[in-house]
N, C-alpha and C. Protein backbone atom coordinates (compact mmCIF):
# COMPACT_ATOMS: atom_id res chain seq x y z
N MET A 1 87.40 140.98 120.17
CA MET A 1 88.54 141.67 120.81
C MET A 1 88.65 142.37 119.03
N LYS A 2 89.45 143.49 118.81
CA LYS A 2 88.15 144.44 118.14
C LYS A 2 89.87 144.55 116.46
N GLY A 3 89.39 144.28 114.88
CA GLY A 3 90.61 144.65 114.44
C GLY A 3 91.94 144.39 114.40
N GLY A 4 92.43 145.88 114.90
CA GLY A 4 93.73 146.43 114.73
C GLY A 4 93.72 145.81 116.14
N GLU A 5 93.43 145.49 116.76
CA GLU A 5 94.40 144.48 118.37
C GLU A 5 94.01 142.88 117.28
N SER A 6 92.99 142.22 117.10
CA SER A 6 93.04 141.17 116.76
C SER A 6 94.85 140.95 115.94
N ILE A 7 95.28 141.85 114.54
CA ILE A 7 96.30 141.92 113.62
C ILE A 7 98.33 142.38 115.01
N TRP A 8 97.50 142.94 115.91
CA TRP A 8 98.48 143.47 116.82
C TRP A 8 99.47 141.79 117.47
N TYR A 9 98.03 141.11 117.96
CA TYR A 9 98.42 140.16 119.16
C TYR A 9 99.01 138.75 118.28
N HIS A 10 98.06 138.51 116.58
CA HIS A 10 98.99 137.62 115.43
C HIS A 10 100.39 137.73 115.46
N GLU A 11 100.65 139.04 115.14
CA GLU A 11 102.34 139.89 115.07
C GLU A 11 103.33 139.95 116.51
N SER A 12 102.47 140.43 117.94
CA SER A 12 103.57 139.99 118.85
C SER A 12 104.18 138.42 118.56
N PHE A 13 102.64 137.49 118.51
CA PHE A 13 102.79 135.79 118.32
C PHE A 13 103.76 135.92 118.21
N GLU A 14 104.04 136.20 116.70
CA GLU A 14 105.04 135.54 115.87
C GLU A 14 105.84 136.43 115.29
N ARG A 15 106.59 137.28 116.57
CA ARG A 15 107.86 137.68 116.75
C ARG A 15 108.40 136.36 117.66
N MET A 16 107.15 136.21 118.65
CA MET A 16 107.68 135.40 119.31
C MET A 16 107.99 134.47 119.39
N ILE A 17 107.40 133.41 118.55
CA ILE A 17 107.47 132.38 118.75
C ILE A 17 108.70 131.88 116.79
N SER A 18 108.75 133.35 116.09
CA SER A 18 109.69 133.16 115.09
C SER A 18 111.13 132.41 115.29
N PRO A 19 111.75 133.07 116.02
CA PRO A 19 112.98 132.22 115.98
C PRO A 19 113.18 130.70 116.64
N TYR A 20 112.04 130.65 116.30
CA TYR A 20 112.38 128.67 116.80
C TYR A 20 111.29 128.12 116.11
N GLN A 21 110.64 128.10 114.60
CA GLN A 21 110.23 127.90 114.45
C GLN A 21 110.76 126.54 112.94
N GLN A 22 111.73 127.40 112.23
CA GLN A 22 112.45 126.13 112.17
C GLN A 22 113.03 125.25 112.14
N GLY A 23 114.22 125.80 113.68
CA GLY A 23 114.27 124.40 114.58
C GLY A 23 112.96 123.14 114.58
N LEU A 24 111.88 123.97 115.14
CA LEU A 24 110.50 123.27 116.07
C LEU A 24 109.94 122.05 114.84
N TYR A 25 110.44 123.39 113.92
CA TYR A 25 109.26 121.39 112.73
C TYR A 25 110.45 120.52 112.03
N ALA A 26 111.89 120.92 112.68
CA ALA A 26 112.96 120.09 111.62
C ALA A 26 112.80 119.22 113.20
N PHE A 27 112.45 119.31 114.73
CA PHE A 27 112.50 118.01 115.19
C PHE A 27 110.89 117.40 114.86
N LEU A 28 109.81 117.87 114.47
CA LEU A 28 109.36 117.24 114.32
C LEU A 28 108.40 116.59 113.17
N ARG A 29 110.08 116.16 112.31
CA ARG A 29 110.25 115.77 110.55
C ARG A 29 110.77 114.27 111.60
N HIS A 30 111.64 115.31 112.49
CA HIS A 30 112.52 113.87 113.10
C HIS A 30 111.38 112.89 113.98
N LEU A 31 110.83 113.54 114.21
CA LEU A 31 110.16 113.13 115.53
C LEU A 31 109.01 111.59 115.51
N CYS A 32 108.14 113.18 114.08
CA CYS A 32 107.17 111.76 113.48
C CYS A 32 106.91 111.92 112.30
N GLY A 33 107.83 112.21 111.44
CA GLY A 33 107.73 111.94 109.90
C GLY A 33 106.73 112.72 109.02
N GLN A 34 106.23 112.06 108.40
CA GLN A 34 105.20 112.87 107.69
C GLN A 34 103.80 113.26 108.19
N ASN A 35 103.88 112.67 109.27
CA ASN A 35 102.85 113.00 110.44
C ASN A 35 103.07 114.92 110.90
N ALA A 36 104.57 115.19 110.48
CA ALA A 36 105.02 115.87 111.49
C ALA A 36 104.01 117.64 111.13
N GLU A 37 103.64 118.69 109.59
CA GLU A 37 102.81 118.84 109.67
C GLU A 37 101.40 119.56 110.97
N ASP A 38 100.77 117.78 110.96
CA ASP A 38 100.26 117.81 111.59
C ASP A 38 100.52 118.80 113.17
N ALA A 39 102.16 118.01 113.59
CA ALA A 39 101.80 118.45 114.26
C ALA A 39 102.21 119.73 115.80
N TYR A 40 103.47 120.28 113.72
CA TYR A 40 103.52 121.49 114.12
C TYR A 40 102.24 122.18 114.19
N GLN A 41 100.65 121.78 113.00
CA GLN A 41 100.41 122.86 112.97
C GLN A 41 99.76 122.82 114.71
N GLU A 42 99.50 122.02 115.82
CA GLU A 42 99.45 121.50 116.91
C GLU A 42 99.31 122.06 118.00
N THR A 43 100.84 121.86 118.22
CA THR A 43 102.09 122.95 118.91
C THR A 43 101.39 124.26 118.89
N LEU A 44 101.65 125.27 117.18
CA LEU A 44 101.92 125.81 117.28
C LEU A 44 100.02 126.82 117.64
N LEU A 45 99.03 126.24 117.68
CA LEU A 45 98.18 126.25 118.33
C LEU A 45 97.66 126.22 120.10
N ALA A 46 98.90 125.25 120.35
CA ALA A 46 98.59 125.38 122.40
C ALA A 46 99.48 126.01 122.07
N ALA A 47 100.27 127.65 121.20
CA ALA A 47 100.61 128.46 122.30
C ALA A 47 100.21 129.40 122.06
N TRP A 48 98.98 129.46 120.69
CA TRP A 48 99.21 130.30 120.62
C TRP A 48 98.60 130.26 121.89
N GLU A 49 96.98 129.56 122.24
CA GLU A 49 96.26 130.22 122.91
C GLU A 49 96.69 130.18 124.37
N ALA A 50 98.05 129.52 124.50
CA ALA A 50 98.04 130.28 125.60
C ALA A 50 99.04 131.44 125.88
N PHE A 51 98.88 132.14 124.53
CA PHE A 51 99.60 133.49 124.35
C PHE A 51 97.89 134.05 124.87
N LYS A 52 97.27 133.89 124.32
CA LYS A 52 95.99 134.78 124.66
C LYS A 52 95.79 134.45 125.07
N LEU A 53 95.75 133.49 126.47
CA LEU A 53 95.61 133.61 128.07
C LEU A 53 96.38 134.65 129.07
N ASN A 54 97.36 134.76 128.86
CA ASN A 54 99.14 135.16 128.98
C ASN A 54 99.17 134.84 129.77
N ARG A 55 99.95 132.95 129.67
CA ARG A 55 100.36 131.48 129.83
C ARG A 55 100.81 130.85 129.33
N LEU A 56 102.02 132.13 127.98
CA LEU A 56 103.16 131.36 128.27
C LEU A 56 104.38 131.59 129.37
N PRO A 57 105.35 130.47 129.19
CA PRO A 57 106.35 130.31 130.32
C PRO A 57 107.45 131.39 129.61
N ASP A 58 108.02 131.87 130.61
CA ASP A 58 109.44 133.31 130.31
C ASP A 58 110.61 132.49 129.26
N LYS A 59 110.31 131.04 129.60
CA LYS A 59 111.12 130.13 128.86
C LYS A 59 110.63 129.52 127.70
N LEU A 60 110.07 130.53 126.58
CA LEU A 60 110.04 129.33 125.70
C LEU A 60 110.14 128.68 125.12
N GLU A 61 111.55 128.82 124.69
CA GLU A 61 112.03 127.69 123.67
C GLU A 61 111.58 125.72 124.50
N PRO A 62 112.49 126.21 125.70
CA PRO A 62 112.33 124.44 126.88
C PRO A 62 110.25 124.17 126.23
N TYR A 63 109.22 125.22 126.21
CA TYR A 63 108.35 125.55 126.75
C TYR A 63 107.47 124.47 125.27
N LEU A 64 108.55 125.62 123.76
CA LEU A 64 107.42 125.10 123.76
C LEU A 64 107.76 123.58 122.83
N TYR A 65 109.20 123.48 122.26
CA TYR A 65 109.71 122.01 121.96
C TYR A 65 108.58 120.44 123.52
N GLY A 66 108.43 121.35 124.71
CA GLY A 66 107.91 120.73 124.95
C GLY A 66 106.18 120.21 123.98
N VAL A 67 105.46 121.41 124.56
CA VAL A 67 104.61 120.39 123.55
C VAL A 67 104.30 120.07 122.46
N ALA A 68 105.31 120.40 121.55
CA ALA A 68 106.15 119.48 120.32
C ALA A 68 106.11 118.51 120.63
N ARG A 69 107.18 118.07 121.71
CA ARG A 69 107.26 116.88 121.86
C ARG A 69 105.65 115.41 122.40
N TYR A 70 105.07 116.25 123.21
CA TYR A 70 104.35 115.96 122.50
C TYR A 70 103.04 115.61 122.16
N LYS A 71 103.44 117.24 121.33
CA LYS A 71 101.85 116.78 119.92
C LYS A 71 102.36 115.57 119.08
N ALA A 72 103.72 115.47 118.62
CA ALA A 72 104.31 113.79 117.95
C ALA A 72 104.39 112.54 118.81
N MET A 73 104.27 113.17 119.95
CA MET A 73 103.95 111.43 120.57
C MET A 73 102.55 111.12 120.36
N ASP A 74 101.17 112.85 120.46
CA ASP A 74 100.17 111.68 119.98
C ASP A 74 100.11 111.06 118.47
N ALA A 75 100.78 112.08 118.01
CA ALA A 75 100.42 111.41 115.96
C ALA A 75 101.21 110.48 115.37
N LEU A 76 102.33 110.19 116.25
CA LEU A 76 102.63 109.04 117.37
C LEU A 76 102.24 107.57 116.87
N ARG A 77 101.23 107.81 118.21
CA ARG A 77 100.08 106.69 118.44
C ARG A 77 99.05 106.53 118.12
N GLU A 78 98.76 107.52 116.96
CA GLU A 78 97.54 107.80 116.26
C GLU A 78 98.11 106.74 114.66
N ARG A 79 99.53 107.53 114.20
CA ARG A 79 99.46 106.21 113.30
C ARG A 79 99.54 105.10 113.90
N TYR A 80 100.33 104.54 115.58
CA TYR A 80 100.77 103.42 115.52
C TYR A 80 99.29 102.28 115.91
N ARG A 81 98.62 102.89 116.12
CA ARG A 81 96.79 101.87 115.83
C ARG A 81 96.66 102.24 114.06
N HIS A 82 97.03 103.09 113.30
CA HIS A 82 96.65 102.71 111.99
C HIS A 82 97.92 101.63 111.29
N GLU A 83 98.53 101.18 111.67
CA GLU A 83 99.83 100.71 110.73
C GLU A 83 99.78 99.73 111.68
N LYS A 84 99.15 98.65 113.23
CA LYS A 84 99.49 97.69 113.33
C LYS A 84 99.94 96.88 112.91
N ARG A 85 99.85 97.01 112.26
CA ARG A 85 100.19 94.84 111.21
C ARG A 85 102.34 95.22 110.78
N GLN A 86 101.97 96.23 109.84
CA GLN A 86 102.74 97.12 109.94
C GLN A 86 103.62 97.05 111.32
N VAL A 87 103.40 97.69 111.63
CA VAL A 87 104.68 97.63 112.96
C VAL A 87 105.04 95.60 113.22
N GLN A 88 104.55 95.08 113.90
CA GLN A 88 104.54 93.68 113.70
C GLN A 88 105.60 93.12 113.15
N LEU A 89 105.30 94.10 111.00
CA LEU A 89 105.77 93.24 110.32
C LEU A 89 107.57 93.38 110.03
N ASN A 90 107.87 95.03 111.06
CA ASN A 90 108.96 95.45 110.75
C ASN A 90 109.97 94.64 112.68
N GLU A 91 109.38 94.41 113.54
CA GLU A 91 109.62 94.04 114.56
C GLU A 91 110.42 92.84 114.01
N GLU A 92 108.59 91.85 112.81
CA GLU A 92 110.14 90.88 113.05
C GLU A 92 111.48 90.58 112.48
N VAL A 93 110.78 91.74 110.92
CA VAL A 93 112.32 91.55 110.27
C VAL A 93 113.69 91.86 111.21
N SER A 94 113.14 92.94 112.00
CA SER A 94 114.43 93.23 113.23
C SER A 94 114.79 92.26 113.79
N LYS A 95 113.86 91.33 114.38
CA LYS A 95 114.18 90.24 115.02
C LYS A 95 115.23 89.89 114.26
N ALA A 96 114.21 89.20 112.96
CA ALA A 96 116.07 87.97 112.11
C ALA A 96 117.22 88.64 111.17
N GLN A 97 117.16 90.13 111.18
CA GLN A 97 118.65 91.12 110.97
C GLN A 97 119.23 90.84 113.31
N GLU A 98 118.11 90.84 113.85
CA GLU A 98 119.43 90.16 115.34
C GLU A 98 120.24 89.36 114.93
N GLY A 99 119.03 88.44 114.33
CA GLY A 99 119.81 87.09 113.99
C GLY A 99 121.46 86.60 112.84
N LEU A 100 121.49 87.49 112.61
CA LEU A 100 123.02 88.12 112.00
C LEU A 100 124.45 87.38 112.28
N ALA A 101 125.15 87.41 111.80
CA ALA A 101 127.11 86.90 111.76
C ALA A 101 126.20 88.27 112.73
N HIS A 102 127.73 87.91 113.89
CA HIS A 102 128.49 89.28 114.40
C HIS A 102 128.63 90.34 114.18
N GLU A 103 129.93 89.39 112.86
CA GLU A 103 131.01 90.29 112.05
C GLU A 103 130.04 91.30 111.01
N GLU A 104 128.61 91.14 111.33
CA GLU A 104 127.88 92.09 110.68
C GLU A 104 128.08 93.63 111.22
N ARG A 105 128.62 94.74 111.50
CA ARG A 105 128.37 95.78 112.02
C ARG A 105 126.59 96.27 110.60
N LEU A 106 126.04 97.52 111.75
CA LEU A 106 125.76 97.97 111.54
C LEU A 106 125.47 99.68 111.47
N THR A 107 124.70 100.09 110.15
CA THR A 107 124.83 101.54 109.62
C THR A 107 124.16 102.49 111.54
N LEU A 108 125.76 103.51 110.76
CA LEU A 108 124.73 104.29 112.19
C LEU A 108 123.37 104.54 112.38
N SER A 109 122.62 104.49 111.58
CA SER A 109 121.36 105.32 110.55
C SER A 109 120.58 104.09 111.21
N ALA A 110 120.74 102.30 111.40
CA ALA A 110 119.98 101.57 111.56
C ALA A 110 120.30 101.07 112.83
N ALA A 111 120.74 101.96 113.75
CA ALA A 111 121.81 101.47 114.52
C ALA A 111 120.84 102.52 115.77
N LEU A 112 120.82 103.73 115.37
CA LEU A 112 119.24 104.23 115.90
C LEU A 112 118.24 104.23 115.67
N GLN A 113 118.47 103.72 114.57
CA GLN A 113 116.24 103.48 114.12
C GLN A 113 116.12 102.54 115.77
N LYS A 114 116.70 101.96 116.25
CA LYS A 114 117.19 100.65 117.29
C LYS A 114 116.22 101.18 118.10
N LEU A 115 117.24 102.47 118.65
CA LEU A 115 116.29 103.25 119.57
C LEU A 115 115.55 102.80 120.55
N LYS A 116 115.64 103.30 121.41
CA LYS A 116 113.70 103.59 121.64
C LYS A 116 113.59 104.88 121.05
N GLU A 117 112.47 105.56 120.67
CA GLU A 117 111.93 107.49 120.14
C GLU A 117 112.13 108.26 120.95
N GLN A 118 111.91 108.03 122.70
CA GLN A 118 112.77 109.01 123.68
C GLN A 118 114.37 109.06 123.38
N ASP A 119 114.50 108.20 123.07
CA ASP A 119 116.01 108.19 122.87
C ASP A 119 116.50 108.90 121.81
N ARG A 120 116.01 108.78 120.54
CA ARG A 120 116.76 109.34 119.02
C ARG A 120 116.00 110.07 120.13
N ALA A 121 114.65 111.33 120.35
CA ALA A 121 114.80 112.62 120.43
C ALA A 121 115.88 113.27 120.68
N LEU A 122 116.13 112.34 122.44
CA LEU A 122 117.45 113.27 123.31
C LEU A 122 118.32 113.70 122.85
N LEU A 123 118.89 112.01 122.20
CA LEU A 123 120.06 112.62 121.21
C LEU A 123 119.95 113.72 120.05
N TYR A 124 119.22 114.78 119.78
CA TYR A 124 117.96 115.48 118.48
C TYR A 124 118.39 115.64 118.82
N LEU A 125 117.62 116.64 120.12
CA LEU A 125 118.17 117.91 119.96
C LEU A 125 119.15 117.95 121.49
N ILE A 126 119.91 117.24 121.11
CA ILE A 126 121.87 117.10 121.99
C ILE A 126 122.77 117.59 120.51
N PHE A 127 122.65 116.47 119.27
CA PHE A 127 123.76 116.75 118.81
C PHE A 127 122.51 117.36 116.94
N ASN A 128 120.86 117.57 116.70
CA ASN A 128 120.98 118.71 115.31
C ASN A 128 120.99 119.36 116.15
N GLN A 129 119.90 119.81 117.22
CA GLN A 129 118.91 121.70 117.97
C GLN A 129 120.36 122.01 118.33
N GLY A 130 121.43 120.77 118.47
CA GLY A 130 122.41 122.09 119.42
C GLY A 130 122.40 123.07 120.55
N MET A 131 121.09 121.99 121.43
CA MET A 131 121.20 122.24 123.21
C MET A 131 121.94 121.12 123.84
N ASP A 132 122.34 122.01 125.03
CA ASP A 132 122.67 122.12 125.70
C ASP A 132 121.99 120.94 127.01
N TYR A 133 122.48 120.04 127.31
CA TYR A 133 122.04 119.01 128.50
C TYR A 133 120.95 119.42 129.38
N GLN A 134 121.34 120.69 129.81
CA GLN A 134 119.87 121.29 130.62
C GLN A 134 118.56 122.14 130.14
N ARG A 135 119.04 122.40 129.23
CA ARG A 135 117.81 122.58 127.60
C ARG A 135 116.72 121.14 127.31
N ALA A 136 117.61 120.80 127.38
CA ALA A 136 117.13 119.33 126.36
C ALA A 136 116.67 118.59 127.41
N GLY A 137 117.21 118.76 128.46
CA GLY A 137 115.94 118.40 129.97
C GLY A 137 114.71 118.43 130.20
N MET A 138 115.15 119.83 129.53
CA MET A 138 113.79 120.13 130.06
C MET A 138 112.90 120.76 129.38
N VAL A 139 113.12 120.48 127.72
CA VAL A 139 112.57 119.99 127.02
C VAL A 139 112.40 118.37 127.48
N MET A 140 112.62 117.39 127.49
CA MET A 140 111.81 115.72 127.82
C MET A 140 110.97 115.50 129.04
N GLY A 141 111.53 117.08 129.96
CA GLY A 141 111.48 116.82 131.74
C GLY A 141 111.94 116.03 131.75
N ILE A 142 113.18 115.84 131.62
CA ILE A 142 113.87 114.65 133.07
C ILE A 142 114.89 115.49 133.09
N PRO A 143 115.37 115.20 134.86
CA PRO A 143 116.67 116.29 135.11
C PRO A 143 118.52 116.45 134.06
N GLU A 144 118.97 117.68 134.37
CA GLU A 144 120.12 117.46 133.71
C GLU A 144 120.87 115.87 133.88
N GLY A 145 120.67 116.10 135.20
CA GLY A 145 122.33 114.48 135.36
C GLY A 145 121.32 113.29 134.67
N THR A 146 120.38 113.16 134.75
CA THR A 146 119.08 111.18 133.77
C THR A 146 119.62 112.52 132.29
N VAL A 147 119.97 113.17 131.93
CA VAL A 147 120.34 112.82 130.68
C VAL A 147 121.54 113.17 130.52
N LYS A 148 122.97 113.13 130.72
CA LYS A 148 123.58 112.43 131.21
C LYS A 148 123.92 111.52 130.44
N SER A 149 123.00 110.39 131.99
CA SER A 149 123.79 109.21 131.45
C SER A 149 123.08 108.57 130.66
N ARG A 150 121.20 108.53 130.34
CA ARG A 150 121.02 108.44 129.09
C ARG A 150 122.20 107.95 128.04
N VAL A 151 122.88 109.10 127.67
CA VAL A 151 123.41 109.65 126.22
C VAL A 151 124.95 109.04 126.44
N PHE A 152 125.32 108.51 128.34
CA PHE A 152 126.60 108.37 128.79
C PHE A 152 126.35 107.05 127.88
N SER A 153 124.88 106.11 128.51
CA SER A 153 123.68 105.10 127.97
C SER A 153 124.08 104.01 126.38
N ILE A 154 122.88 104.90 125.75
CA ILE A 154 122.67 105.12 124.76
C ILE A 154 124.01 105.80 123.63
N LYS A 155 125.48 106.05 124.00
CA LYS A 155 126.48 105.81 123.11
C LYS A 155 126.96 104.74 123.24
N LYS A 156 126.96 103.86 124.57
CA LYS A 156 126.91 103.02 124.43
C LYS A 156 126.72 101.80 124.31
N LYS A 157 125.38 101.65 124.02
CA LYS A 157 124.74 100.63 122.49
C LYS A 157 124.97 100.95 121.26
N LEU A 158 124.82 102.29 121.38
CA LEU A 158 124.84 102.48 119.83
C LEU A 158 127.09 102.21 118.82
N ARG A 159 127.32 101.94 119.88
CA ARG A 159 128.77 101.44 119.79
C ARG A 159 129.31 99.77 119.72
N GLN A 160 127.90 99.15 120.93
CA GLN A 160 127.74 97.44 120.34
C GLN A 160 127.28 97.82 119.82
N TRP A 161 126.40 98.20 118.94
CA TRP A 161 125.62 97.67 117.81
C TRP A 161 126.05 97.82 116.44
N MET A 162 126.68 98.90 116.65
CA MET A 162 127.95 99.27 115.30
C MET A 162 128.61 98.36 115.17
N GLY A 163 129.25 97.26 116.57
CA GLY A 163 130.03 96.41 116.67
C GLY A 163 132.32 97.24 117.04
N ASP A 164 132.20 98.17 117.71
CA ASP A 164 132.86 98.68 117.44
C ASP A 164 133.30 99.02 118.94
N GLU A 165 132.71 98.54 119.13
CA GLU A 165 133.44 97.90 120.74
C GLU A 165 134.95 98.95 121.68
N LYS A 166 135.30 99.34 121.25
CA LYS A 166 136.37 100.24 121.48
C LYS A 166 136.33 102.35 121.02
N GLY A 167 134.73 101.82 120.83
CA GLY A 167 134.12 103.69 120.62
C GLY A 167 134.97 104.97 120.09
N GLY A 168 135.16 104.45 119.10
CA GLY A 168 136.21 104.77 118.06
C GLY A 168 134.99 105.33 117.50
N CYS A 169 133.73 105.22 117.02
CA CYS A 169 133.64 106.64 116.31
C CYS A 169 131.77 107.34 116.25
N VAL A 170 131.45 106.74 117.25
CA VAL A 170 130.30 107.23 118.21
C VAL A 170 130.70 108.08 119.09
């Protein structure tokens, strides 16, 4: 590739993904915390490779978020390999907290931490990124109907964990 073509390629790629960069990075920060920067770079690298091969899909946003989710999961798996002892300790603390009296209510933040990672990611896409159920389903690789039923079930769990059986706050 000649120098001028290379600059054109980079500029074209940057224009194409720039509307998604901020939201993509926020999504990765939510999923993998301190490992977000590495996952973000890996996501952009994968998108760049697809761009060079002219294999970026027409629906770029779900593609980018899907790649980001896979890169975040890779980063999390790597982190958990190194932090296995800390995870076990956290699980023991969590079990001890479950033994607390039922009158004590969990905060929303604590209740969210009890959810599975993919459930937290789904809620994040819908409520923080403003995606509709169809787009969130595309990112997560599940049908829209499954997204609707999962969100319903997740909300129900959160209400129970927070001690709000009537469903007023979640």
